[in-house]
Amino acid sequence: MEEDTGALPGKENFSEWYNEILWRAEIMDVRYPVKGLYVWHPHGFGIRKRAYAILRDLMDRDHTETMFPLLIPKTEFMKEAEHIKGFEDEVYWVTHGGRNELDVPLALRPTSETAIYPMYALWIRSHTDLPLKLYQIVNTFRYETKHTRPLIRLREITSFKEAHTVHATREEAAAQVEIALDLYLEFYENLRVPVIVSRRPAWDKFPGADYTIAVDTIMPDGKTLQIGTVHMLGDHFSRTYEITYEDANGERQYACQTCYGISERSIAAVISIHGDDKGLVLPPGVAPVEVVIVPIIVGKRRDEVLAAATALEEELRCAGFITRLDSRDMRPGAKYYHWEMRGVPLRIEVGPRDIDANTVVAVTRTGRKTTLDRRGVVEGITSILGEFGDEIWKTARDAMADKIVMADTLDATAAAVKSGVAVVHWCGSQECAEKIEAAVDASVIGSEIRSDLIAVSDGPCIACGEKGTSALVARTY
């Protein structure tokens, strides 16, 4: 694509900044001729590839990856009434094969419970088959009628990691919910994205679940973005799809289930939380290019400088760093702009003076400059990248903390949610939640909060004055 060297909109204009950075940093092309469907640029897909490699490594500890079909027969899809009611306005239906009308319409999966659980009913026979822990990373389709936004609100979710587990008892399923949450917390720590975990209100849980635990982050404009959910299904779906097992006493029992998902919203969070007015700022673990080498060509020593830069590139690649040598015939400043926009964590400059001194200059994406001895360059870069990851983690956590406000009145809550998240006392009733939401133009999104940035306490509900506990109130994506 043609390079645009103009300044990005300031991040305080978050929506405009976000839209600009997607194409300037070559994340996604939004010009595909179907609303809500977008095309990954190779650089953006490289971020996705590395992030999902981390996710796969975490899941593969005690899950097995699989793949189920995209098309779900209407006969299976319609079996679970509560689940379907939650998705009925979002389903794409395939009604024809060529010119022939299908006897049974086929749904493009909005999520895969109704595709997977009929098969689980065939596979599970005995308690020795349990627990069963499978996951897949697939595309899902939802006829989103709200304002679509790349990576955040889509009609094709291209990167949906969904796990579906089956257990002998409710206690084992509840324990799996906690295991899943720990996996998600570890995943987002790797992405250096701070999160808040909370239990969704009963009316906002996943359709067909007993309860839903959500993982949210706070975006630069103060809105929350749900970037992970874990659902306790109990035996709700197992009774619908006859997922039973024979216990140790030879008796048939209904299994208990969980499911949990993460999508490319995780990439939206990385972009939004870390990026600045110069472009992306990528954690080393997800950057498609970790180190870029920029040779500084001066006078007659061009070949010598390029040879030194090429030797350094080979050394760093052999050491395991994803390295790129930028030998294009461009001014160094233009190269700096190019790679800063794309979020490369570390730039190495090599020029005649560096060759003479047997050093290189290392500059992090946030501007910290260090001169490294050429003989210890691998160790020096390893240290710098580690410190850089810690730096952006602290910056992100501090930014989140600044957007969390304790509020003990409706007026204070209304003021807080204009730029962040309010933590209020709420009695748990839907009636009081509706009063709060009407008064502050935001949603009660969760209670039973888990975050080391939030002090949870009991106190009078800000709507009715009865006993309440800490809850989150926020504007959401």
Protein backbone atom coordinates (compact mmCIF):
# COMPACT_ATOMS: atom_id res chain seq x y z
CA MET A 1 0.00 0.00 0.00
CA GLU A 2 1.06 3.60 -0.49
CA GLU A 3 2.81 5.03 2.55
CA ASP A 4 1.04 7.94 4.23
CA THR A 5 3.52 9.87 6.34
CA GLY A 6 1.00 12.31 7.83
CA ALA A 7 0.31 12.40 11.54
CA LEU A 8 -2.34 10.16 13.06
CA PRO A 9 -5.32 11.77 14.74
CA GLY A 10 -4.66 12.16 18.45
CA LYS A 11 -5.64 9.14 20.50
CA GLU A 12 -7.99 11.35 22.52
CA ASN A 13 -10.18 11.16 19.39
CA PHE A 14 -10.22 7.41 19.84
CA SER A 15 -12.74 6.37 17.19
CA GLU A 16 -10.98 8.36 14.47
CA TRP A 17 -7.56 7.20 15.69
CA TYR A 18 -8.67 3.56 15.67
CA ASN A 19 -10.07 3.68 12.15
CA GLU A 20 -6.94 5.39 10.83
CA ILE A 21 -4.48 3.03 12.47
CA LEU A 22 -6.16 -0.05 11.00
CA TRP A 23 -5.16 0.96 7.50
CA ARG A 24 -2.01 3.01 8.24
CA ALA A 25 -0.49 0.11 10.19
CA GLU A 26 -1.86 -2.44 7.68
CA ILE A 27 -4.09 -4.34 10.09
CA MET A 28 -7.33 -4.72 8.13
CA ASP A 29 -8.82 -3.48 4.88
CA VAL A 30 -12.42 -2.40 5.46
CA ARG A 31 -13.33 -2.05 1.77
CA TYR A 32 -14.64 -5.59 1.27
CA PRO A 33 -18.07 -5.23 -0.44
CA VAL A 34 -20.12 -6.86 2.35
CA LYS A 35 -20.87 -4.81 5.45
CA GLY A 36 -19.29 -6.21 8.60
CA LEU A 37 -16.76 -8.40 6.75
CA TYR A 38 -13.12 -7.32 6.61
CA VAL A 39 -9.84 -8.51 5.11
CA TRP A 40 -6.71 -9.10 7.18
CA HIS A 41 -3.56 -7.48 5.83
CA PRO A 42 -0.50 -9.74 6.23
CA HIS A 43 0.92 -7.53 9.02
CA GLY A 44 -2.35 -7.61 10.94
CA PHE A 45 -2.67 -11.34 10.39
CA GLY A 46 0.88 -11.72 11.69
CA ILE A 47 -0.22 -10.14 14.98
CA ARG A 48 -3.21 -12.46 15.07
CA LYS A 49 -1.02 -15.47 14.26
CA ARG A 50 1.41 -14.84 17.12
CA ALA A 51 -1.33 -13.97 19.64
CA TYR A 52 -3.29 -17.11 18.79
CA ALA A 53 -0.12 -19.19 19.01
CA ILE A 54 0.08 -18.09 22.65
CA LEU A 55 -3.58 -18.99 23.11
CA ARG A 56 -3.11 -22.40 21.48
CA ASP A 57 -0.14 -23.17 23.72
CA LEU A 58 -2.25 -22.37 26.78
CA MET A 59 -5.23 -24.40 25.60
CA ASP A 60 -3.09 -27.38 24.57
CA ARG A 61 -2.01 -27.93 28.16
CA ASP A 62 -5.14 -29.97 28.82
CA HIS A 63 -7.49 -29.40 25.87
CA THR A 64 -7.45 -30.97 22.41
CA GLU A 65 -8.00 -28.92 19.26
CA THR A 66 -10.65 -30.06 16.81
CA MET A 67 -12.87 -28.73 14.01
CA PHE A 68 -16.65 -28.94 13.57
CA PRO A 69 -18.67 -28.02 10.47
CA LEU A 70 -19.80 -24.47 9.71
CA LEU A 71 -23.32 -25.55 8.68
CA ILE A 72 -25.85 -26.57 11.33
CA PRO A 73 -29.17 -28.24 10.38
CA LYS A 74 -32.19 -26.25 11.51
CA THR A 75 -33.52 -29.41 13.20
CA GLU A 76 -30.54 -29.39 15.59
CA PHE A 77 -30.30 -25.63 15.86
CA MET A 78 -33.89 -25.21 17.03
CA LYS A 79 -33.80 -27.86 19.75
CA GLU A 80 -32.73 -25.55 22.58
CA ALA A 81 -35.38 -22.83 22.87
CA GLU A 82 -33.65 -20.47 25.32
CA HIS A 83 -30.38 -20.66 23.40
CA ILE A 84 -32.07 -20.01 20.07
CA LYS A 85 -34.05 -17.09 21.44
CA GLY A 86 -30.74 -15.40 22.20
CA PHE A 87 -29.53 -15.78 18.61
CA GLU A 88 -32.67 -15.89 16.45
CA ASP A 89 -32.22 -12.36 15.09
CA GLU A 90 -28.55 -12.94 14.24
CA VAL A 91 -28.60 -16.16 12.21
CA TYR A 92 -27.68 -16.40 8.53
CA TRP A 93 -29.64 -19.20 6.83
CA VAL A 94 -28.58 -21.23 3.80
CA THR A 95 -31.80 -22.21 2.04
CA HIS A 96 -30.61 -23.39 -1.39
CA GLY A 97 -27.99 -25.74 -2.78
CA GLY A 98 -27.44 -24.44 -6.28
CA ARG A 99 -30.96 -24.01 -7.71
CA ASN A 100 -32.55 -26.52 -5.38
CA GLU A 101 -34.32 -25.53 -2.19
CA LEU A 102 -32.99 -27.51 0.75
CA ASP A 103 -35.35 -29.80 2.65
CA VAL A 104 -33.74 -28.63 5.90
CA PRO A 105 -32.32 -25.07 6.01
CA LEU A 106 -28.77 -24.80 7.32
CA ALA A 107 -27.56 -22.14 9.76
CA LEU A 108 -24.11 -20.58 9.49
CA ARG A 109 -22.87 -21.09 13.04
CA PRO A 110 -23.28 -18.04 15.26
CA THR A 111 -21.67 -20.23 17.93
CA SER A 112 -21.22 -23.98 17.93
CA GLU A 113 -23.15 -25.54 20.82
CA THR A 114 -25.84 -26.89 18.50
CA ALA A 115 -23.19 -28.29 16.12
CA ILE A 116 -21.00 -29.90 18.74
CA TYR A 117 -23.40 -31.30 21.34
CA PRO A 118 -25.24 -33.79 19.08
CA MET A 119 -21.82 -35.32 18.44
CA TYR A 120 -20.93 -35.32 22.13
CA ALA A 121 -24.11 -37.35 22.73
CA LEU A 122 -22.71 -39.98 20.35
CA TRP A 123 -19.17 -39.95 21.71
CA ILE A 124 -19.76 -40.03 25.48
CA ARG A 125 -20.84 -43.35 26.96
CA SER A 126 -19.06 -43.88 30.26
CA HIS A 127 -17.61 -41.89 33.13
CA THR A 128 -14.24 -43.04 31.79
CA ASP A 129 -14.85 -40.77 28.74
CA LEU A 130 -14.88 -37.74 31.04
CA PRO A 131 -13.76 -35.06 31.31
CA LEU A 132 -13.86 -34.16 27.63
CA LYS A 133 -12.15 -30.85 26.79
CA LEU A 134 -12.13 -29.77 23.14
CA TYR A 135 -11.64 -26.42 21.47
CA GLN A 136 -11.64 -25.01 17.97
CA ILE A 137 -10.60 -21.75 16.30
CA VAL A 138 -13.10 -20.99 13.55
CA ASN A 139 -15.13 -18.29 11.88
CA THR A 140 -18.68 -17.61 13.06
CA PHE A 141 -21.39 -15.47 11.51
CA ARG A 142 -23.87 -13.15 13.18
CA TYR A 143 -26.21 -10.76 11.44
CA GLU A 144 -25.08 -7.80 13.49
CA THR A 145 -27.56 -4.93 13.12
CA LYS A 146 -25.73 -2.43 15.32
CA HIS A 147 -22.91 -0.25 14.04
CA THR A 148 -20.20 -2.65 12.81
CA ARG A 149 -16.55 -1.96 13.64
CA PRO A 150 -13.47 -3.95 12.53
CA LEU A 151 -12.28 -6.47 15.12
CA ILE A 152 -14.92 -5.28 17.60
CA ARG A 153 -18.41 -5.77 16.16
CA LEU A 154 -18.50 -8.01 13.12
CA ARG A 155 -20.80 -10.05 10.94
CA GLU A 156 -18.02 -12.57 10.35
CA ILE A 157 -15.97 -13.27 13.46
CA THR A 158 -12.89 -14.70 11.77
CA SER A 159 -11.00 -15.94 14.82
CA PHE A 160 -13.39 -17.39 17.38
CA LYS A 161 -11.67 -19.68 19.87
CA GLU A 162 -14.43 -21.67 21.55
CA ALA A 163 -13.87 -24.43 24.08
CA HIS A 164 -16.55 -26.95 25.08
CA THR A 165 -16.00 -29.23 28.06
CA VAL A 166 -18.03 -32.07 29.56
CA HIS A 167 -17.79 -33.26 33.18
CA ALA A 168 -19.32 -35.88 35.44
CA THR A 169 -20.42 -33.45 38.16
CA ARG A 170 -21.41 -29.86 38.62
CA GLU A 171 -18.50 -29.37 41.00
CA GLU A 172 -16.04 -30.47 38.32
CA ALA A 173 -17.67 -28.15 35.78
CA ALA A 174 -17.51 -25.22 38.24
CA ALA A 175 -13.82 -25.97 38.80
CA GLN A 176 -13.32 -25.87 35.01
CA VAL A 177 -14.82 -22.38 34.92
CA GLU A 178 -12.05 -21.24 37.26
CA ILE A 179 -9.40 -23.05 35.21
CA ALA A 180 -10.65 -21.29 32.07
CA LEU A 181 -10.55 -17.90 33.78
CA ASP A 182 -6.96 -18.52 34.87
CA LEU A 183 -6.03 -19.40 31.27
CA TYR A 184 -7.59 -16.17 30.04
CA LEU A 185 -5.83 -14.08 32.68
CA GLU A 186 -2.52 -15.64 31.66
CA PHE A 187 -3.28 -15.03 27.99
CA TYR A 188 -3.98 -11.34 28.52
CA GLU A 189 -0.96 -10.92 30.76
CA ASN A 190 1.10 -12.23 27.83
CA LEU A 191 -0.59 -9.61 25.64
CA ARG A 192 0.09 -7.01 28.36
CA VAL A 193 -3.62 -6.14 28.40
CA PRO A 194 -5.07 -5.51 31.90
CA VAL A 195 -8.54 -6.93 32.51
CA ILE A 196 -11.40 -6.99 34.99
CA VAL A 197 -13.30 -10.21 35.67
CA SER A 198 -16.94 -10.06 36.81
CA ARG A 199 -20.13 -12.09 36.83
CA ARG A 200 -22.71 -10.88 34.33
CA PRO A 201 -26.24 -10.12 35.61
CA ALA A 202 -28.67 -13.00 35.19
CA TRP A 203 -30.49 -11.25 32.32
CA ASP A 204 -27.23 -10.72 30.45
CA LYS A 205 -25.82 -14.24 30.69
CA PHE A 206 -25.16 -16.48 27.68
CA PRO A 207 -28.45 -17.98 26.42
CA GLY A 208 -28.83 -21.40 28.04
CA ALA A 209 -26.11 -20.89 30.67
CA ASP A 210 -26.53 -21.09 34.43
CA TYR A 211 -24.19 -18.12 34.75
CA THR A 212 -21.59 -16.20 32.77
CA ILE A 213 -18.25 -14.81 33.93
CA ALA A 214 -16.85 -12.10 31.64
CA VAL A 215 -13.40 -10.65 31.03
CA ASP A 216 -13.41 -6.94 30.14
CA THR A 217 -10.82 -4.30 29.44
CA ILE A 218 -11.29 -0.53 29.45
CA MET A 219 -10.66 1.14 26.10
CA PRO A 220 -9.03 4.59 25.73
CA ASP A 221 -12.44 6.30 25.45
CA GLY A 222 -13.56 4.78 28.76
CA LYS A 223 -15.93 2.19 27.30
CA THR A 224 -15.50 -1.44 28.26
CA LEU A 225 -14.76 -4.12 25.69
CA GLN A 226 -15.74 -7.70 26.50
CA ILE A 227 -12.73 -9.77 25.42
CA GLY A 228 -13.57 -13.16 26.89
CA THR A 229 -16.44 -15.08 28.45
CA VAL A 230 -16.74 -18.30 30.42
CA HIS A 231 -20.15 -19.97 30.76
CA MET A 232 -21.32 -22.52 33.29
CA LEU A 233 -23.89 -24.56 31.37
CA GLY A 234 -24.74 -27.12 34.04
CA ASP A 235 -26.91 -29.90 32.59
CA HIS A 236 -29.08 -27.54 30.52
CA PHE A 237 -27.71 -28.61 27.12
CA SER A 238 -27.00 -32.20 28.14
CA ARG A 239 -30.71 -32.72 28.82
CA THR A 240 -31.61 -31.21 25.45
CA TYR A 241 -29.09 -33.26 23.49
CA GLU A 242 -29.11 -36.36 25.72
CA ILE A 243 -25.46 -36.15 26.70
CA THR A 244 -25.34 -38.88 29.32
CA TYR A 245 -22.80 -41.25 30.77
CA GLU A 246 -22.83 -44.44 32.80
CA ASP A 247 -21.39 -43.81 36.26
CA ALA A 248 -19.26 -46.20 38.33
CA ASN A 249 -22.46 -47.80 39.67
CA GLY A 250 -23.83 -48.51 36.20
CA GLU A 251 -26.48 -45.75 36.33
CA ARG A 252 -27.12 -43.21 33.56
CA GLN A 253 -26.38 -39.60 34.51
CA TYR A 254 -26.65 -36.30 32.70
CA ALA A 255 -23.27 -34.64 32.18
CA CYS A 256 -22.44 -31.08 33.22
CA GLN A 257 -20.84 -28.70 30.73
CA THR A 258 -18.96 -25.45 30.28
CA CYS A 259 -18.01 -23.38 27.26
CA TYR A 260 -15.80 -20.34 26.86
CA GLY A 261 -14.61 -18.09 24.06
CA ILE A 262 -12.18 -15.44 22.88
CA SER A 263 -12.29 -13.66 19.52
CA GLU A 264 -10.25 -11.14 17.52
CA ARG A 265 -11.45 -8.56 20.00
CA SER A 266 -8.26 -9.62 21.76
CA ILE A 267 -6.33 -8.04 18.88
CA ALA A 268 -8.49 -4.91 19.07
CA ALA A 269 -7.52 -4.66 22.73
CA VAL A 270 -3.79 -4.93 21.97
CA ILE A 271 -4.06 -2.24 19.31
CA SER A 272 -6.16 0.11 21.40
CA ILE A 273 -4.59 -0.28 24.83
CA HIS A 274 -0.95 0.05 23.77
CA GLY A 275 -1.04 2.22 20.64
CA ASP A 276 -0.05 5.90 20.70
CA ASP A 277 -0.09 8.91 18.42
CA LYS A 278 2.74 7.40 16.33
CA GLY A 279 0.92 4.12 15.66
CA LEU A 280 0.95 0.62 17.07
CA VAL A 281 2.94 -0.36 20.15
CA LEU A 282 3.21 -4.14 20.16
CA PRO A 283 4.30 -6.44 22.98
CA PRO A 284 7.33 -8.44 21.79
CA GLY A 285 5.39 -11.70 22.10
CA VAL A 286 2.82 -10.73 19.46
CA ALA A 287 4.86 -8.48 17.14
CA PRO A 288 5.27 -9.96 13.62
CA VAL A 289 8.65 -8.20 13.58
CA GLU A 290 10.41 -7.93 16.94
CA VAL A 291 13.57 -6.18 15.78
CA VAL A 292 14.16 -4.04 12.69
CA ILE A 293 17.70 -3.18 11.64
CA VAL A 294 18.15 0.17 9.92
CA PRO A 295 21.56 0.68 8.30
CA ILE A 296 22.76 4.29 8.39
CA ILE A 297 24.47 4.81 5.04
CA VAL A 298 27.07 7.59 5.03
CA GLY A 299 29.55 8.39 2.26
CA LYS A 300 31.67 5.63 0.78
CA ARG A 301 31.10 3.00 3.47
CA ARG A 302 27.76 1.78 2.14
CA ASP A 303 28.87 -1.79 1.42
CA GLU A 304 30.63 -2.08 4.78
CA VAL A 305 27.56 -0.89 6.68
CA LEU A 306 25.22 -3.23 4.76
CA ALA A 307 27.57 -6.15 5.39
CA ALA A 308 27.61 -5.40 9.13
CA ALA A 309 23.81 -5.05 9.20
CA THR A 310 23.36 -8.33 7.32
CA ALA A 311 25.68 -10.15 9.71
CA LEU A 312 23.72 -8.74 12.66
CA GLU A 313 20.43 -9.82 11.09
CA GLU A 314 21.70 -13.38 10.73
CA GLU A 315 22.96 -13.46 14.32
CA LEU A 316 19.66 -12.21 15.73
CA ARG A 317 17.61 -14.65 13.66
CA CYS A 318 19.78 -17.52 14.82
CA ALA A 319 19.18 -16.32 18.39
CA GLY A 320 15.41 -16.62 17.82
CA PHE A 321 14.39 -13.00 17.25
CA ILE A 322 11.99 -12.22 14.40
CA THR A 323 14.23 -9.74 12.62
CA ARG A 324 13.92 -7.58 9.51
CA LEU A 325 16.73 -5.71 7.75
CA ASP A 326 15.39 -2.58 6.06
CA SER A 327 17.82 -1.94 3.22
CA ARG A 328 15.39 0.08 1.11
CA ASP A 329 16.73 3.18 -0.62
CA MET A 330 14.95 5.61 1.70
CA ARG A 331 15.92 8.20 4.28
CA PRO A 332 16.37 6.71 7.77
CA GLY A 333 13.60 8.97 9.11
CA ALA A 334 11.07 7.53 6.67
CA LYS A 335 12.05 4.01 7.75
CA TYR A 336 11.66 4.98 11.41
CA TYR A 337 8.15 6.26 10.68
CA HIS A 338 7.22 3.09 8.78
CA TRP A 339 8.24 0.72 11.55
CA GLU A 340 6.98 2.88 14.40
CA MET A 341 3.54 2.94 12.77
CA ARG A 342 3.59 -0.87 12.64
CA GLY A 343 4.57 -1.19 16.28
CA VAL A 344 7.95 -2.92 16.02
CA PRO A 345 9.25 -3.11 19.61
CA LEU A 346 12.93 -2.45 18.86
CA ARG A 347 14.93 -0.65 16.19
CA ILE A 348 18.67 -1.27 15.81
CA GLU A 349 20.73 1.38 14.03
CA VAL A 350 24.08 0.46 12.45
CA GLY A 351 26.30 3.12 10.92
CA PRO A 352 30.02 3.80 10.32
CA ARG A 353 30.54 5.20 13.82
CA ASP A 354 28.94 2.11 15.34
CA ILE A 355 31.18 -0.18 13.29
CA ASP A 356 34.27 1.76 14.41
CA ALA A 357 33.18 1.61 18.07
CA ASN A 358 32.00 -2.03 17.82
CA THR A 359 28.55 -0.98 19.09
CA VAL A 360 24.98 -0.68 17.87
CA VAL A 361 22.23 1.76 18.90
CA ALA A 362 18.98 0.19 20.15
CA VAL A 363 15.80 2.31 20.28
CA THR A 364 12.56 0.94 21.73
CA ARG A 365 9.19 1.78 20.24
CA THR A 366 8.56 4.11 23.19
CA GLY A 367 11.80 6.00 22.49
CA ARG A 368 14.31 4.66 25.03
CA LYS A 369 17.77 4.66 23.41
CA THR A 370 20.62 2.37 24.49
CA THR A 371 24.10 1.80 23.08
CA LEU A 372 24.96 -1.90 23.11
CA ASP A 373 28.34 -3.56 22.81
CA ARG A 374 28.30 -5.51 19.56
CA ARG A 375 29.79 -8.57 21.27
CA GLY A 376 26.90 -8.79 23.76
CA VAL A 377 24.12 -7.69 21.46
CA VAL A 378 21.91 -10.80 21.89
CA GLU A 379 21.92 -10.54 25.68
CA GLY A 380 21.37 -6.78 25.49
CA ILE A 381 18.37 -7.09 23.17
CA THR A 382 16.86 -9.85 25.30
CA SER A 383 17.07 -7.58 28.34
CA ILE A 384 15.69 -4.54 26.54
CA LEU A 385 12.70 -6.42 25.12
CA GLY A 386 11.89 -7.83 28.55
CA GLU A 387 12.02 -4.36 30.10
CA PHE A 388 9.93 -2.97 27.23
CA GLY A 389 7.20 -5.55 27.86
CA ASP A 390 7.18 -4.62 31.56
CA GLU A 391 7.05 -0.93 30.68
CA ILE A 392 3.96 -1.16 28.48
CA TRP A 393 2.27 -3.49 31.01
CA LYS A 394 2.73 -0.87 33.74
CA THR A 395 1.57 1.93 31.44
CA ALA A 396 -1.57 -0.03 30.52
CA ARG A 397 -2.38 -0.87 34.15
CA ASP A 398 -1.89 2.74 35.25
CA ALA A 399 -4.16 3.93 32.43
CA MET A 400 -6.85 1.45 33.49
CA ALA A 401 -6.58 2.46 37.15
CA ASP A 402 -7.08 6.10 36.14
CA LYS A 403 -10.36 5.19 34.44
CA ILE A 404 -11.88 3.40 37.47
CA VAL A 405 -13.89 5.61 39.82
CA MET A 406 -15.64 4.64 43.04
CA ALA A 407 -19.10 6.27 43.01
CA ASP A 408 -21.66 6.35 45.82
CA THR A 409 -24.42 8.37 44.14
CA LEU A 410 -26.17 8.35 40.80
CA ASP A 411 -24.74 11.77 39.96
CA ALA A 412 -21.21 10.60 40.69
CA THR A 413 -21.82 7.48 38.60
CA ALA A 414 -23.10 9.55 35.67
CA ALA A 415 -19.97 11.70 35.81
CA ALA A 416 -17.64 8.68 36.06
CA VAL A 417 -19.01 6.78 33.05
CA LYS A 418 -18.41 9.69 30.71
CA SER A 419 -14.71 8.77 30.63
CA GLY A 420 -14.38 5.49 32.48
CA VAL A 421 -15.96 2.83 34.67
CA ALA A 422 -17.87 3.43 37.89
CA VAL A 423 -17.73 0.99 40.79
CA VAL A 424 -20.96 1.28 42.75
CA HIS A 425 -22.89 -0.62 45.39
CA TRP A 426 -25.84 -2.48 43.91
CA CYS A 427 -28.36 -4.80 45.55
CA GLY A 428 -28.44 -7.20 42.59
CA SER A 429 -32.03 -6.61 41.47
CA GLN A 430 -32.94 -5.98 37.85
CA GLU A 431 -35.30 -3.20 38.92
CA CYS A 432 -32.47 -1.24 40.54
CA ALA A 433 -30.16 -1.97 37.60
CA GLU A 434 -32.74 -0.43 35.27
CA LYS A 435 -33.03 2.63 37.52
CA ILE A 436 -29.26 3.06 37.51
CA GLU A 437 -29.01 2.58 33.75
CA ALA A 438 -31.80 5.07 33.03
CA ALA A 439 -30.20 7.67 35.30
CA VAL A 440 -26.61 7.41 34.05
CA ASP A 441 -26.95 6.26 30.41
CA ALA A 442 -24.70 3.24 30.97
CA SER A 443 -25.09 -0.43 31.87
CA VAL A 444 -24.66 -2.45 35.03
CA ILE A 445 -22.29 -5.01 33.52
CA GLY A 446 -21.19 -7.19 36.40
CA SER A 447 -20.67 -7.98 40.07
CA GLU A 448 -18.46 -10.42 42.01
CA ILE A 449 -15.57 -8.34 40.68
CA ARG A 450 -12.06 -9.74 40.46
CA SER A 451 -9.33 -7.15 39.92
CA ASP A 452 -6.35 -6.06 41.96
CA LEU A 453 -7.15 -2.51 40.85
CA ILE A 454 -10.59 -2.52 42.53
CA ALA A 455 -11.33 -2.73 46.25
CA VAL A 456 -14.56 -4.73 46.57
CA SER A 457 -16.86 -3.87 49.48
CA ASP A 458 -20.44 -3.93 50.72
CA GLY A 459 -22.61 -0.84 51.08
CA PRO A 460 -26.06 0.63 50.41
CA CYS A 461 -27.37 0.20 46.84
CA ILE A 462 -27.19 3.56 45.07
CA ALA A 463 -30.69 2.99 43.66
CA CYS A 464 -32.70 1.71 46.65
CA GLY A 465 -30.46 2.01 49.72
CA GLU A 466 -30.73 -1.68 50.62
CA LYS A 467 -27.66 -3.83 51.23
CA GLY A 468 -25.51 -4.06 48.13
CA THR A 469 -22.05 -5.07 46.97
CA SER A 470 -19.58 -3.71 44.43
CA ALA A 471 -20.67 -3.74 40.81
CA LEU A 472 -19.40 -2.26 37.54
CA VAL A 473 -21.29 0.39 35.62
CA ALA A 474 -19.97 1.33 32.20
CA ARG A 475 -20.67 2.23 28.63
CA THR A 476 -19.90 -0.78 26.47
CA TYR A 477 -18.99 -1.72 22.92
